[in-house]
Amino acid sequence: MENICIKFGRNVRKYRLLINCSQEQLAEKAGLHRTYISAVERGVRSISLENIQKIADALEIEVYKLFQF
């Protein structure tokens, strides 16, 4: 069974690329650090609910979409 952090990170990357946004641009929009976004996308960082909301808002999507595996 694949780790939920990896699945979540893969979705963050997918939606980020759909809007043609770099990790740095997404981080700025979300008020987070670029290395944090990188770690989330690689699935090596566990993420808080507050930061999930920030990322979803920056991607302009509903939170649940990041959990559709």
N, C-alpha and C. Protein backbone atom coordinates (compact mmCIF):
# COMPACT_ATOMS: atom_id res chain seq x y z
N MET A 1 0.85 -1.19 0.00
CA MET A 1 0.00 0.00 0.00
C MET A 1 0.89 1.24 0.00
N GLU A 2 0.60 2.14 -0.91
CA GLU A 2 1.41 3.36 -1.05
C GLU A 2 1.07 4.36 0.06
N ASN A 3 2.07 5.03 0.55
CA ASN A 3 1.97 6.03 1.60
C ASN A 3 1.05 7.18 1.18
N ILE A 4 0.18 7.61 2.08
CA ILE A 4 -0.75 8.70 1.79
C ILE A 4 -0.01 10.00 1.48
N CYS A 5 1.14 10.22 2.11
CA CYS A 5 1.91 11.44 1.85
C CYS A 5 2.39 11.48 0.40
N ILE A 6 2.78 10.33 -0.13
CA ILE A 6 3.22 10.26 -1.53
C ILE A 6 2.05 10.52 -2.46
N LYS A 7 0.91 9.91 -2.18
CA LYS A 7 -0.29 10.12 -3.01
C LYS A 7 -0.72 11.59 -2.98
N PHE A 8 -0.73 12.16 -1.78
CA PHE A 8 -1.12 13.56 -1.64
C PHE A 8 -0.15 14.47 -2.41
N GLY A 9 1.13 14.23 -2.24
CA GLY A 9 2.15 15.02 -2.93
C GLY A 9 2.03 14.93 -4.44
N ARG A 10 1.72 13.75 -4.93
CA ARG A 10 1.53 13.56 -6.37
C ARG A 10 0.37 14.42 -6.88
N ASN A 11 -0.70 14.51 -6.08
CA ASN A 11 -1.83 15.35 -6.47
C ASN A 11 -1.49 16.84 -6.43
N VAL A 12 -0.74 17.26 -5.43
CA VAL A 12 -0.32 18.66 -5.38
C VAL A 12 0.45 19.00 -6.65
N ARG A 13 1.40 18.15 -7.01
CA ARG A 13 2.20 18.38 -8.21
C ARG A 13 1.32 18.40 -9.47
N LYS A 14 0.38 17.46 -9.57
CA LYS A 14 -0.51 17.40 -10.74
C LYS A 14 -1.28 18.71 -10.91
N TYR A 15 -1.90 19.18 -9.83
CA TYR A 15 -2.70 20.41 -9.92
C TYR A 15 -1.81 21.63 -10.12
N ARG A 16 -0.62 21.62 -9.56
CA ARG A 16 0.32 22.73 -9.77
C ARG A 16 0.71 22.82 -11.23
N LEU A 17 1.00 21.69 -11.83
CA LEU A 17 1.40 21.68 -13.25
C LEU A 17 0.23 22.05 -14.16
N LEU A 18 -0.98 21.69 -13.76
CA LEU A 18 -2.16 22.04 -14.57
C LEU A 18 -2.34 23.54 -14.70
N ILE A 19 -1.90 24.28 -13.68
CA ILE A 19 -2.02 25.74 -13.77
C ILE A 19 -0.68 26.38 -14.16
N ASN A 20 0.25 25.53 -14.59
CA ASN A 20 1.55 26.02 -15.09
C ASN A 20 2.25 26.90 -14.06
N CYS A 21 2.38 26.36 -12.87
CA CYS A 21 2.93 27.10 -11.73
C CYS A 21 4.17 26.39 -11.22
N SER A 22 5.21 27.13 -10.91
CA SER A 22 6.42 26.53 -10.33
C SER A 22 6.20 26.29 -8.84
N GLN A 23 7.07 25.49 -8.24
CA GLN A 23 7.00 25.28 -6.80
C GLN A 23 7.17 26.60 -6.07
N GLU A 24 8.05 27.42 -6.55
CA GLU A 24 8.29 28.72 -5.92
C GLU A 24 7.05 29.61 -5.99
N GLN A 25 6.39 29.63 -7.14
CA GLN A 25 5.18 30.44 -7.30
C GLN A 25 4.06 29.93 -6.39
N LEU A 26 3.91 28.61 -6.33
CA LEU A 26 2.88 28.03 -5.46
C LEU A 26 3.17 28.36 -4.00
N ALA A 27 4.42 28.22 -3.61
CA ALA A 27 4.81 28.53 -2.24
C ALA A 27 4.48 29.97 -1.88
N GLU A 28 4.78 30.87 -2.79
CA GLU A 28 4.49 32.29 -2.54
C GLU A 28 2.99 32.52 -2.39
N LYS A 29 2.21 31.93 -3.29
CA LYS A 29 0.75 32.10 -3.23
C LYS A 29 0.17 31.51 -1.95
N ALA A 30 0.77 30.42 -1.46
CA ALA A 30 0.26 29.74 -0.28
C ALA A 30 0.85 30.29 1.02
N GLY A 31 1.86 31.13 0.92
CA GLY A 31 2.51 31.66 2.12
C GLY A 31 3.39 30.63 2.80
N LEU A 32 3.95 29.73 1.99
CA LEU A 32 4.82 28.67 2.51
C LEU A 32 6.18 28.76 1.83
N HIS A 33 7.15 27.99 2.30
CA HIS A 33 8.49 28.01 1.71
C HIS A 33 8.57 27.02 0.55
N ARG A 34 9.38 27.35 -0.44
CA ARG A 34 9.53 26.50 -1.62
C ARG A 34 10.01 25.10 -1.25
N THR A 35 10.93 25.00 -0.30
CA THR A 35 11.43 23.69 0.08
C THR A 35 10.36 22.87 0.79
N TYR A 36 9.42 23.54 1.43
CA TYR A 36 8.29 22.84 2.06
C TYR A 36 7.41 22.22 0.98
N ILE A 37 7.09 23.00 -0.05
CA ILE A 37 6.28 22.50 -1.17
C ILE A 37 6.99 21.32 -1.82
N SER A 38 8.28 21.43 -2.02
CA SER A 38 9.06 20.34 -2.61
C SER A 38 8.95 19.08 -1.77
N ALA A 39 9.10 19.21 -0.46
CA ALA A 39 9.03 18.05 0.43
C ALA A 39 7.64 17.42 0.42
N VAL A 40 6.60 18.26 0.36
CA VAL A 40 5.23 17.75 0.30
C VAL A 40 5.03 16.97 -1.00
N GLU A 41 5.47 17.53 -2.11
CA GLU A 41 5.30 16.86 -3.41
C GLU A 41 6.06 15.53 -3.47
N ARG A 42 7.19 15.45 -2.79
CA ARG A 42 7.97 14.21 -2.77
C ARG A 42 7.42 13.20 -1.77
N GLY A 43 6.48 13.63 -0.94
CA GLY A 43 5.87 12.73 0.03
C GLY A 43 6.73 12.46 1.25
N VAL A 44 7.71 13.32 1.48
CA VAL A 44 8.60 13.13 2.63
C VAL A 44 8.21 14.01 3.81
N ARG A 45 7.18 14.80 3.64
CA ARG A 45 6.75 15.72 4.69
C ARG A 45 5.28 15.47 5.00
N SER A 46 4.97 15.27 6.25
CA SER A 46 3.58 15.20 6.68
C SER A 46 3.08 16.64 6.76
N ILE A 47 1.82 16.85 6.47
CA ILE A 47 1.33 18.22 6.32
C ILE A 47 0.12 18.45 7.22
N SER A 48 0.03 19.65 7.77
CA SER A 48 -1.08 20.00 8.66
C SER A 48 -2.33 20.35 7.85
N LEU A 49 -3.45 20.28 8.51
CA LEU A 49 -4.71 20.65 7.86
C LEU A 49 -4.70 22.10 7.40
N GLU A 50 -4.12 22.98 8.20
CA GLU A 50 -4.06 24.39 7.82
C GLU A 50 -3.26 24.58 6.53
N ASN A 51 -2.14 23.87 6.41
CA ASN A 51 -1.32 24.00 5.20
C ASN A 51 -1.97 23.34 4.00
N ILE A 52 -2.74 22.28 4.23
CA ILE A 52 -3.51 21.68 3.13
C ILE A 52 -4.47 22.72 2.57
N GLN A 53 -5.15 23.44 3.46
CA GLN A 53 -6.09 24.47 3.03
C GLN A 53 -5.37 25.58 2.26
N LYS A 54 -4.20 26.00 2.75
CA LYS A 54 -3.43 27.04 2.07
C LYS A 54 -3.04 26.62 0.66
N ILE A 55 -2.62 25.38 0.52
CA ILE A 55 -2.21 24.88 -0.80
C ILE A 55 -3.41 24.78 -1.72
N ALA A 56 -4.52 24.25 -1.22
CA ALA A 56 -5.73 24.16 -2.04
C ALA A 56 -6.19 25.55 -2.49
N ASP A 57 -6.16 26.51 -1.59
CA ASP A 57 -6.54 27.88 -1.95
C ASP A 57 -5.60 28.45 -3.01
N ALA A 58 -4.31 28.21 -2.86
CA ALA A 58 -3.34 28.71 -3.82
C ALA A 58 -3.53 28.06 -5.19
N LEU A 59 -3.95 26.79 -5.19
CA LEU A 59 -4.21 26.07 -6.45
C LEU A 59 -5.60 26.38 -7.00
N GLU A 60 -6.40 27.06 -6.19
CA GLU A 60 -7.79 27.42 -6.53
C GLU A 60 -8.62 26.18 -6.82
N ILE A 61 -8.49 25.20 -5.90
CA ILE A 61 -9.29 23.98 -5.99
C ILE A 61 -9.87 23.69 -4.61
N GLU A 62 -10.86 22.80 -4.57
CA GLU A 62 -11.42 22.34 -3.31
C GLU A 62 -10.45 21.35 -2.67
N VAL A 63 -10.38 21.37 -1.36
CA VAL A 63 -9.45 20.52 -0.61
C VAL A 63 -9.62 19.05 -0.97
N TYR A 64 -10.85 18.59 -1.11
CA TYR A 64 -11.09 17.16 -1.34
C TYR A 64 -10.38 16.64 -2.58
N LYS A 65 -10.14 17.50 -3.57
CA LYS A 65 -9.50 17.05 -4.80
C LYS A 65 -8.07 16.56 -4.54
N LEU A 66 -7.43 17.10 -3.53
CA LEU A 66 -6.07 16.67 -3.20
C LEU A 66 -6.06 15.28 -2.57
N PHE A 67 -7.24 14.79 -2.18
CA PHE A 67 -7.34 13.46 -1.55
C PHE A 67 -8.02 12.44 -2.46
N GLN A 68 -8.26 12.79 -3.69
CA GLN A 68 -8.85 11.82 -4.63
C GLN A 68 -7.73 11.03 -5.28
N PHE A 69 -7.54 9.83 -4.78
CA PHE A 69 -6.47 8.98 -5.28
C PHE A 69 -7.05 7.99 -6.26
